[in-house]
Amino acid sequence: MLDIKFIRENPEKIKEACEKKHIDFDLDLLLKLDIRRRELLQAIEEINAIKNQANKRIQEAKTSEERATIIAQMKEADSNGDNNNEEFRKVNNDFNALMLLVPNIPDESVPVGDSDEDNVEIRKWGEIKNFNFPVKDHVQIAKDLDLVDFERGTKVAGFRGYFLKREAMLLSMAIWQYATDIITKDGFIPFCAPSLVSKEAMTGTGYLPQSKDEVYETHDGMYLAGTSEVAVMSYHSDEILKEDDLPRKYMGFSPCFRTEIGSYGKDTQGILRVHEFMKIEQVVLCKNDKEETVRLHEAITKNAENILQGLGLPYHVVLNCSGDLGLGQVKKYDIECWVPSQNKYRETHSSSYFFEFQTRRLNIRYKTKDGEIKYCHSLNNTGIATPRVLIPLLENWQQADGSVKIPEVLHKYLPFKEIRKN
């Protein structure tokens, strides 16, 4: 959510952000509601002042006739006040609903574009292997080594359901521990975060109302979060932190759930797009300072890159274009790992910052050393997500004899160094 004062003073910037992000938003209606809302507030305050004065005059009245006249004036004020209060409630509700849909302004470094096809590569790491044997995709590898049961997964959990089995399950646990070790060494406090969260938490982080079709809602109005960012960001909602305690760096680990409504017909085979998965997320709250936010953005992105480098997975980092940014994102990187069977990079991580967009919604502030109250800035980044990362891992580490080698950094977490057919 943006500051309404900023919106009033910078309407052209908001319209430009809508155009860049391809968001259909009626800014003129919001500004009209804002004007009417302020008019009604002023009228309500004036009527309240009249009523307060009338109460004092009633107490000071010397005759019953004078008292009756003042009471009649109060009743008229009450009637006008009731009308104003009723209109204000409606206008204020409409105003607040529109405020949740105002897009954040992309950073000046963000390229203008329509979709992920227009994202810009900024660096890459790792050598793409030249295999001297026919390359299998992760689905075939998983079936040959009995690592994933797609058929029974579908039987039990429906479309995109799966069971991770044997070494794949142990491998996932090893990856979580490996990623946790790297992230916590950078000062992140580890959380096992709730997946079942409130509507307020989903709204506060920006996943509602605009992405309501992408999340699961329970019968009692709770939601299954698609990332632990939702719970961890809400941890400090309605709190005022101390400047000396910033930045707050948290690592959230949780099951995640996504409907994948927007991916109909895409990646229907395998474990790239699934409804349920596990993810480690980096979440940061910092001072209201762009320079520090940018520094931390690069730092959390580097943590994710370090994880992938240890796993020996070739990747590149792309700067997302304006049309591939979410409503609240100011700037975002995607990290995409090389998938040999597809001969291209596929997204495994994202890294974003939001300035005050989330913290205004969640009312997360801090007190400066001078006593001033400011909204924090927020950032988040995918530490690692499974089973998705198993796709590049299985494919890049496959061997000619059908086995899969295990990256050395994982050996200490596992009772095996390779996966072979049983």
Protein backbone atom coordinates (compact mmCIF):
# COMPACT_ATOMS: atom_id res chain seq x y z
CA MET A 1 0.00 0.00 0.00
CA LEU A 2 1.26 3.47 -0.87
CA ASP A 3 0.81 6.64 1.15
CA ILE A 4 -2.34 8.46 -0.04
CA LYS A 5 -0.49 11.77 0.29
CA PHE A 6 2.13 10.48 -2.14
CA ILE A 7 -0.61 9.29 -4.51
CA ARG A 8 -2.34 12.70 -4.44
CA GLU A 9 0.90 14.51 -5.17
CA ASN A 10 2.17 12.07 -7.83
CA PRO A 11 -0.78 10.85 -9.92
CA GLU A 12 1.28 10.65 -13.10
CA LYS A 13 3.81 8.34 -11.43
CA ILE A 14 1.00 6.02 -10.37
CA LYS A 15 -0.49 6.01 -13.87
CA GLU A 16 2.96 5.29 -15.31
CA ALA A 17 3.41 2.39 -12.85
CA CYS A 18 0.02 0.97 -13.92
CA GLU A 19 1.08 1.19 -17.56
CA LYS A 20 4.48 -0.41 -16.96
CA LYS A 21 3.03 -3.26 -14.87
CA HIS A 22 0.02 -3.71 -17.19
CA ILE A 23 -2.41 -3.16 -14.33
CA ASP A 24 -5.91 -1.85 -15.01
CA PHE A 25 -6.60 0.59 -12.18
CA ASP A 26 -9.01 3.54 -11.95
CA LEU A 27 -6.85 6.17 -10.27
CA ASP A 28 -9.31 8.98 -11.02
CA LEU A 29 -12.02 7.14 -9.06
CA LEU A 30 -9.67 6.66 -6.11
CA LEU A 31 -8.83 10.38 -6.05
CA LYS A 32 -12.54 11.33 -6.27
CA LEU A 33 -13.31 9.02 -3.35
CA ASP A 34 -10.40 10.52 -1.44
CA ILE A 35 -11.80 14.04 -1.91
CA ARG A 36 -15.32 13.01 -0.89
CA ARG A 37 -13.96 11.06 2.07
CA ARG A 38 -12.12 14.12 3.37
CA GLU A 39 -15.18 16.33 2.82
CA LEU A 40 -17.32 13.95 4.84
CA LEU A 41 -14.73 13.72 7.60
CA GLN A 42 -14.66 17.49 7.87
CA ALA A 43 -18.48 17.67 7.93
CA ILE A 44 -18.64 14.99 10.65
CA GLU A 45 -16.06 16.85 12.73
CA GLU A 46 -17.98 20.13 12.33
CA ILE A 47 -21.24 18.48 13.43
CA ASN A 48 -19.52 16.91 16.41
CA ALA A 49 -18.17 20.33 17.36
CA ILE A 50 -21.68 21.83 17.09
CA LYS A 51 -23.07 19.06 19.30
CA ASN A 52 -20.35 19.60 21.89
CA GLN A 53 -21.09 23.32 21.96
CA ALA A 54 -24.83 22.59 22.20
CA ASN A 55 -24.32 20.32 25.21
CA LYS A 56 -22.48 23.13 26.94
CA ARG A 57 -25.23 25.63 26.00
CA ILE A 58 -27.93 23.29 27.35
CA GLN A 59 -26.16 23.20 30.70
CA GLU A 60 -25.93 27.00 30.70
CA ALA A 61 -29.51 27.62 29.45
CA LYS A 62 -31.62 29.72 31.87
CA THR A 63 -35.09 28.86 30.55
CA SER A 64 -36.87 25.74 29.36
CA GLU A 65 -37.69 27.45 26.06
CA GLU A 66 -34.02 28.18 25.41
CA ARG A 67 -33.14 24.59 26.33
CA ALA A 68 -35.82 23.22 23.95
CA THR A 69 -34.52 25.36 21.08
CA ILE A 70 -30.98 24.06 21.57
CA ILE A 71 -32.20 20.44 21.78
CA ALA A 72 -34.09 20.87 18.48
CA GLN A 73 -30.89 22.15 16.88
CA MET A 74 -29.04 19.12 18.23
CA LYS A 75 -31.60 16.72 16.74
CA GLU A 76 -31.17 18.36 13.34
CA ALA A 77 -27.39 18.04 13.67
CA ASP A 78 -27.81 14.38 14.68
CA SER A 79 -29.90 13.72 11.59
CA ASN A 80 -27.32 15.33 9.30
CA GLY A 81 -24.56 13.52 11.15
CA ASP A 82 -26.25 10.13 10.67
CA ASN A 83 -26.51 10.75 6.93
CA ASN A 84 -22.87 11.79 6.74
CA ASN A 85 -21.72 8.81 8.81
CA GLU A 86 -23.61 6.37 6.60
CA GLU A 87 -22.17 7.88 3.41
CA PHE A 88 -18.70 8.01 4.96
CA ARG A 89 -18.78 4.29 5.79
CA LYS A 90 -19.62 3.43 2.19
CA VAL A 91 -17.10 5.86 0.67
CA ASN A 92 -14.40 4.77 3.11
CA ASN A 93 -14.95 1.08 2.34
CA ASP A 94 -14.70 1.74 -1.40
CA PHE A 95 -11.63 3.91 -0.83
CA ASN A 96 -9.84 1.27 1.26
CA ALA A 97 -10.64 -1.46 -1.28
CA LEU A 98 -9.09 0.59 -4.09
CA MET A 99 -6.04 1.49 -1.99
CA LEU A 100 -5.18 -2.21 -1.84
CA LEU A 101 -4.96 -2.28 -5.64
CA VAL A 102 -2.60 0.67 -6.19
CA PRO A 103 0.63 -0.71 -7.70
CA ASN A 104 4.04 0.11 -6.29
CA ILE A 105 6.37 2.09 -8.53
CA PRO A 106 9.14 0.07 -10.24
CA ASP A 107 12.72 1.12 -9.62
CA GLU A 108 14.31 3.18 -12.37
CA SER A 109 16.68 0.29 -13.11
CA VAL A 110 13.78 -2.04 -14.02
CA PRO A 111 13.50 -2.55 -17.79
CA VAL A 112 10.11 -1.90 -19.38
CA GLY A 113 8.59 -5.07 -20.81
CA ASP A 114 5.48 -7.17 -21.15
CA SER A 115 6.40 -10.59 -19.72
CA ASP A 116 9.25 -12.83 -18.57
CA GLU A 117 10.37 -12.95 -22.20
CA ASP A 118 11.59 -9.38 -21.69
CA ASN A 119 13.64 -10.05 -18.54
CA VAL A 120 17.32 -9.14 -18.85
CA GLU A 121 20.19 -11.49 -17.97
CA ILE A 122 22.67 -9.75 -15.68
CA ARG A 123 25.05 -12.61 -14.86
CA LYS A 124 25.44 -16.37 -15.06
CA TRP A 125 27.47 -19.01 -13.26
CA GLY A 126 28.60 -22.53 -13.96
CA GLU A 127 29.58 -24.55 -16.99
CA ILE A 128 26.80 -26.18 -18.98
CA LYS A 129 27.72 -29.84 -19.38
CA ASN A 130 28.08 -31.56 -22.72
CA PHE A 131 26.71 -35.04 -22.14
CA ASN A 132 28.13 -37.87 -24.27
CA PHE A 133 24.97 -39.94 -23.81
CA PRO A 134 21.23 -39.34 -24.36
CA VAL A 135 19.99 -36.99 -21.67
CA LYS A 136 16.97 -38.06 -19.63
CA ASP A 137 14.50 -35.61 -18.19
CA HIS A 138 13.79 -35.59 -14.46
CA VAL A 139 10.54 -37.51 -14.89
CA GLN A 140 12.31 -40.45 -16.54
CA ILE A 141 15.17 -40.36 -14.03
CA ALA A 142 12.69 -40.36 -11.15
CA LYS A 143 10.78 -43.30 -12.59
CA ASP A 144 13.91 -45.32 -13.41
CA LEU A 145 15.30 -44.83 -9.90
CA ASP A 146 11.92 -45.12 -8.15
CA LEU A 147 12.23 -41.65 -6.61
CA VAL A 148 8.77 -40.20 -7.32
CA ASP A 149 5.39 -41.90 -7.67
CA PHE A 150 3.28 -39.69 -9.91
CA GLU A 151 0.47 -42.18 -10.52
CA ARG A 152 -0.34 -42.81 -6.86
CA GLY A 153 0.25 -39.15 -6.13
CA THR A 154 -2.51 -38.28 -8.58
CA LYS A 155 -4.75 -40.99 -7.12
CA VAL A 156 -4.36 -39.59 -3.61
CA ALA A 157 -3.94 -35.84 -4.16
CA GLY A 158 -5.39 -35.19 -7.61
CA PHE A 159 -3.79 -33.45 -10.57
CA ARG A 160 -0.14 -32.50 -9.90
CA GLY A 161 -0.05 -34.80 -6.86
CA TYR A 162 3.11 -36.80 -6.15
CA PHE A 163 4.93 -38.92 -3.58
CA LEU A 164 8.65 -38.30 -3.06
CA LYS A 165 10.25 -41.64 -2.20
CA ARG A 166 13.45 -43.22 -0.99
CA GLU A 167 16.57 -41.19 -1.76
CA ALA A 168 14.52 -38.27 -3.16
CA MET A 169 12.90 -37.70 0.22
CA LEU A 170 16.23 -37.96 2.07
CA LEU A 171 17.86 -35.75 -0.56
CA SER A 172 15.23 -33.07 -0.01
CA MET A 173 15.86 -33.10 3.72
CA ALA A 174 19.60 -32.80 3.13
CA ILE A 175 19.04 -29.80 0.84
CA TRP A 176 16.92 -28.09 3.51
CA GLN A 177 19.64 -28.58 6.12
CA TYR A 178 22.37 -27.46 3.74
CA ALA A 179 20.46 -24.28 2.80
CA THR A 180 19.62 -23.62 6.45
CA ASP A 181 23.30 -23.81 7.40
CA ILE A 182 24.26 -21.24 4.74
CA ILE A 183 21.45 -18.82 5.55
CA THR A 184 21.75 -18.97 9.34
CA LYS A 185 25.50 -18.32 9.07
CA ASP A 186 24.49 -14.96 7.57
CA GLY A 187 22.64 -14.07 10.77
CA PHE A 188 19.14 -15.22 9.85
CA ILE A 189 16.96 -16.50 12.69
CA PRO A 190 15.29 -19.78 11.62
CA PHE A 191 11.51 -20.13 11.93
CA CYS A 192 9.23 -23.07 11.35
CA ALA A 193 6.35 -20.91 10.15
CA PRO A 194 2.58 -21.53 9.97
CA SER A 195 1.11 -22.36 6.58
CA LEU A 196 -2.47 -21.76 7.69
CA VAL A 197 -2.80 -17.98 7.97
CA SER A 198 -5.45 -15.30 8.38
CA LYS A 199 -6.99 -13.11 5.73
CA GLU A 200 -5.24 -10.14 7.35
CA ALA A 201 -1.83 -11.78 6.87
CA MET A 202 -2.59 -12.55 3.21
CA THR A 203 -3.85 -9.02 2.61
CA GLY A 204 -0.94 -7.47 4.47
CA THR A 205 1.65 -9.18 2.30
CA GLY A 206 -0.21 -8.35 -0.91
CA TYR A 207 -1.53 -11.77 -1.90
CA LEU A 208 -5.11 -10.62 -1.39
CA PRO A 209 -7.24 -9.41 -3.02
CA GLN A 210 -5.47 -9.39 -6.39
CA SER A 211 -4.17 -13.00 -6.27
CA LYS A 212 -7.17 -14.65 -4.59
CA ASP A 213 -7.52 -17.23 -7.38
CA GLU A 214 -3.97 -18.46 -6.76
CA VAL A 215 -4.45 -19.39 -3.09
CA TYR A 216 -6.49 -21.99 -1.25
CA GLU A 217 -9.18 -20.72 1.15
CA THR A 218 -10.50 -22.95 3.92
CA HIS A 219 -14.14 -23.23 5.00
CA ASP A 220 -13.55 -20.98 8.02
CA GLY A 221 -11.99 -18.07 6.11
CA MET A 222 -8.35 -19.00 6.68
CA TYR A 223 -5.85 -19.46 3.87
CA LEU A 224 -3.05 -21.87 2.94
CA ALA A 225 -0.05 -19.68 2.18
CA GLY A 226 2.07 -20.13 -0.94
CA THR A 227 5.20 -19.01 0.93
CA SER A 228 6.31 -18.59 4.54
CA GLU A 229 6.83 -14.92 3.67
CA VAL A 230 3.16 -14.43 4.59
CA ALA A 231 3.51 -15.68 8.16
CA VAL A 232 7.00 -14.34 8.81
CA MET A 233 6.19 -10.85 7.50
CA SER A 234 3.10 -10.78 9.71
CA TYR A 235 5.16 -11.73 12.78
CA HIS A 236 5.73 -8.04 13.61
CA SER A 237 2.37 -6.67 12.43
CA ASP A 238 1.12 -3.69 14.48
CA GLU A 239 4.49 -3.37 16.23
CA ILE A 240 7.01 -0.55 16.58
CA LEU A 241 10.59 -1.85 16.48
CA LYS A 242 13.78 -0.11 17.55
CA GLU A 243 16.12 1.23 14.90
CA ASP A 244 19.07 -0.43 16.63
CA ASP A 245 17.36 -3.82 16.20
CA LEU A 246 17.22 -3.47 12.41
CA PRO A 247 17.67 -5.19 10.10
CA ARG A 248 15.59 -8.14 11.28
CA LYS A 249 16.60 -11.20 9.26
CA TYR A 250 14.38 -14.29 9.40
CA MET A 251 14.48 -17.64 7.62
CA GLY A 252 11.02 -19.18 7.29
CA PHE A 253 10.51 -22.88 6.55
CA SER A 254 7.07 -24.30 5.80
CA PRO A 255 4.87 -26.32 3.49
CA CYS A 256 3.50 -24.11 0.71
CA PHE A 257 0.31 -24.38 -1.34
CA ARG A 258 -0.60 -22.87 -4.72
CA THR A 259 -3.56 -23.52 -6.99
CA GLU A 260 -1.50 -22.97 -10.17
CA ILE A 261 -4.68 -21.61 -11.77
CA GLY A 262 -2.68 -19.33 -14.05
CA SER A 263 -0.50 -22.17 -15.37
CA TYR A 264 -3.21 -24.26 -17.01
CA GLY A 265 -1.61 -26.50 -19.64
CA LYS A 266 1.96 -25.55 -18.61
CA ASP A 267 4.48 -28.06 -17.26
CA THR A 268 1.85 -30.68 -16.54
CA GLN A 269 4.45 -33.45 -16.25
CA GLY A 270 6.83 -33.83 -13.35
CA ILE A 271 7.46 -31.71 -10.27
CA LEU A 272 8.02 -28.21 -11.67
CA ARG A 273 4.50 -26.91 -10.98
CA VAL A 274 2.83 -28.66 -8.06
CA HIS A 275 0.12 -27.69 -5.62
CA GLU A 276 2.11 -28.52 -2.49
CA PHE A 277 5.83 -28.12 -1.82
CA MET A 278 8.38 -27.14 0.82
CA LYS A 279 10.27 -23.88 0.81
CA ILE A 280 12.88 -21.98 2.78
CA GLU A 281 12.37 -18.21 2.52
CA GLN A 282 14.58 -15.31 3.51
CA VAL A 283 12.59 -12.36 4.93
CA VAL A 284 14.15 -9.04 5.94
CA LEU A 285 12.85 -5.90 7.65
CA CYS A 286 15.19 -2.94 7.49
CA LYS A 287 15.33 0.83 7.87
CA ASN A 288 13.42 3.11 5.54
CA ASP A 289 16.51 3.72 3.46
CA LYS A 290 16.86 2.80 -0.22
CA GLU A 291 20.63 2.36 -0.09
CA GLU A 292 20.39 -0.19 2.72
CA THR A 293 17.47 -1.94 1.02
CA VAL A 294 19.41 -2.31 -2.22
CA ARG A 295 22.44 -3.64 -0.33
CA LEU A 296 20.34 -6.23 1.47
CA HIS A 297 18.62 -7.20 -1.79
CA GLU A 298 21.97 -8.07 -3.30
CA ALA A 299 22.98 -9.91 -0.11
CA ILE A 300 19.94 -12.22 0.04
CA THR A 301 20.28 -12.90 -3.68
CA LYS A 302 23.91 -13.84 -3.08
CA ASN A 303 22.87 -16.31 -0.37
CA ALA A 304 20.63 -18.10 -2.87
CA GLU A 305 23.43 -18.11 -5.44
CA ASN A 306 25.86 -19.56 -2.91
CA ILE A 307 23.43 -22.42 -2.29
CA LEU A 308 23.22 -23.21 -6.00
CA GLN A 309 26.97 -22.91 -6.51
CA GLY A 310 27.54 -25.44 -3.74
CA LEU A 311 25.11 -27.78 -5.47
CA GLY A 312 27.04 -27.34 -8.71
CA LEU A 313 23.98 -26.18 -10.66
CA PRO A 314 24.56 -23.79 -13.58
CA TYR A 315 22.25 -20.78 -13.39
CA HIS A 316 21.74 -17.24 -14.50
CA VAL A 317 20.24 -14.22 -12.74
CA VAL A 318 17.73 -12.10 -14.63
CA LEU A 319 16.38 -8.66 -13.81
CA ASN A 320 12.61 -8.86 -14.12
CA CYS A 321 10.95 -6.39 -16.46
CA SER A 322 8.08 -4.16 -15.36
CA GLY A 323 5.42 -6.48 -16.78
CA ASP A 324 6.82 -9.40 -14.78
CA LEU A 325 6.65 -7.62 -11.41
CA GLY A 326 3.96 -8.20 -8.83
CA LEU A 327 1.69 -5.42 -7.59
CA GLY A 328 3.93 -4.52 -4.66
CA GLN A 329 7.40 -5.31 -6.00
CA VAL A 330 9.79 -2.44 -6.66
CA LYS A 331 12.54 -4.63 -8.09
CA LYS A 332 12.93 -8.35 -8.55
CA TYR A 333 15.55 -10.85 -9.63
CA ASP A 334 14.75 -14.36 -10.79
CA ILE A 335 17.40 -17.06 -10.56
CA GLU A 336 16.95 -19.75 -13.19
CA CYS A 337 18.81 -23.07 -13.19
CA TRP A 338 19.90 -24.89 -16.32
CA VAL A 339 17.66 -27.86 -17.20
CA PRO A 340 19.52 -30.05 -19.75
CA SER A 341 16.48 -31.93 -21.07
CA GLN A 342 14.80 -28.64 -21.98
CA ASN A 343 18.02 -26.96 -23.10
CA LYS A 344 17.13 -23.80 -21.22
CA TYR A 345 17.09 -22.13 -17.82
CA ARG A 346 14.01 -22.52 -15.57
CA GLU A 347 13.13 -20.39 -12.55
CA THR A 348 14.01 -21.80 -9.13
CA HIS A 349 14.32 -18.61 -7.03
CA SER A 350 13.04 -15.06 -6.86
CA SER A 351 14.36 -12.11 -4.88
CA SER A 352 12.37 -8.91 -4.33
CA TYR A 353 12.05 -5.71 -2.34
CA PHE A 354 8.91 -3.69 -1.65
CA PHE A 355 9.89 -0.52 0.24
CA GLU A 356 6.85 0.32 2.47
CA PHE A 357 4.22 -1.55 0.44
CA GLN A 358 3.82 -4.49 2.82
CA THR A 359 4.74 -2.74 6.07
CA ARG A 360 2.06 -0.07 5.61
CA ARG A 361 -0.53 -2.80 5.18
CA LEU A 362 0.81 -4.70 8.20
CA ASN A 363 1.55 -1.55 10.23
CA ILE A 364 5.19 -2.48 10.92
CA ARG A 365 7.15 0.56 12.04
CA TYR A 366 10.30 1.50 13.89
CA LYS A 367 11.41 4.40 16.06
CA THR A 368 14.52 6.23 14.90
CA LYS A 369 17.20 7.38 17.29
CA ASP A 370 15.65 10.87 17.02
CA GLY A 371 12.27 9.53 18.11
CA GLU A 372 10.62 9.65 14.67
CA ILE A 373 8.26 6.81 13.72
CA LYS A 374 8.78 5.35 10.22
CA TYR A 375 7.59 2.36 8.25
CA CYS A 376 10.17 -0.38 7.72
CA HIS A 377 11.21 -1.60 4.28
CA SER A 378 10.69 -5.29 3.48
CA LEU A 379 12.49 -7.82 1.28
CA ASN A 380 12.20 -11.54 0.58
CA ASN A 381 14.01 -14.23 -1.33
CA THR A 382 13.66 -17.94 -2.04
CA GLY A 383 16.37 -19.76 -0.13
CA ILE A 384 15.47 -23.09 -1.73
CA ALA A 385 12.26 -24.81 -2.84
CA THR A 386 11.73 -28.55 -3.10
CA PRO A 387 10.92 -30.56 -5.04
CA ARG A 388 11.55 -28.02 -7.84
CA VAL A 389 15.32 -27.82 -7.28
CA LEU A 390 15.48 -31.62 -7.71
CA ILE A 391 14.79 -31.10 -11.42
CA PRO A 392 18.12 -29.42 -12.28
CA LEU A 393 19.94 -31.48 -9.65
CA LEU A 394 18.86 -34.87 -11.03
CA GLU A 395 19.37 -33.81 -14.63
CA ASN A 396 22.73 -32.07 -14.27
CA TRP A 397 24.19 -34.83 -12.09
CA GLN A 398 22.90 -37.80 -14.11
CA GLN A 399 25.47 -40.35 -15.29
CA ALA A 400 25.71 -42.54 -18.40
CA ASP A 401 24.87 -45.69 -16.42
CA GLY A 402 21.58 -44.20 -15.20
CA SER A 403 22.82 -43.28 -11.73
CA VAL A 404 22.84 -39.78 -10.23
CA LYS A 405 25.79 -38.37 -8.31
CA ILE A 406 25.18 -36.37 -5.15
CA PRO A 407 26.96 -32.97 -4.86
CA GLU A 408 29.77 -33.15 -2.33
CA VAL A 409 28.28 -30.44 -0.07
CA LEU A 410 25.39 -32.82 0.72
CA HIS A 411 27.48 -35.87 1.58
CA LYS A 412 27.64 -35.09 5.30
CA TYR A 413 23.84 -35.03 5.48
CA LEU A 414 23.25 -38.33 3.65
CA PRO A 415 24.11 -42.02 3.99
CA PHE A 416 24.82 -42.26 0.24
CA LYS A 417 26.90 -40.40 -2.36
CA GLU A 418 25.00 -41.50 -5.42
CA ILE A 419 21.59 -42.85 -6.35
CA ARG A 420 21.46 -46.14 -8.20
CA LYS A 421 18.63 -48.35 -9.32
CA ASN A 422 17.68 -50.79 -6.58
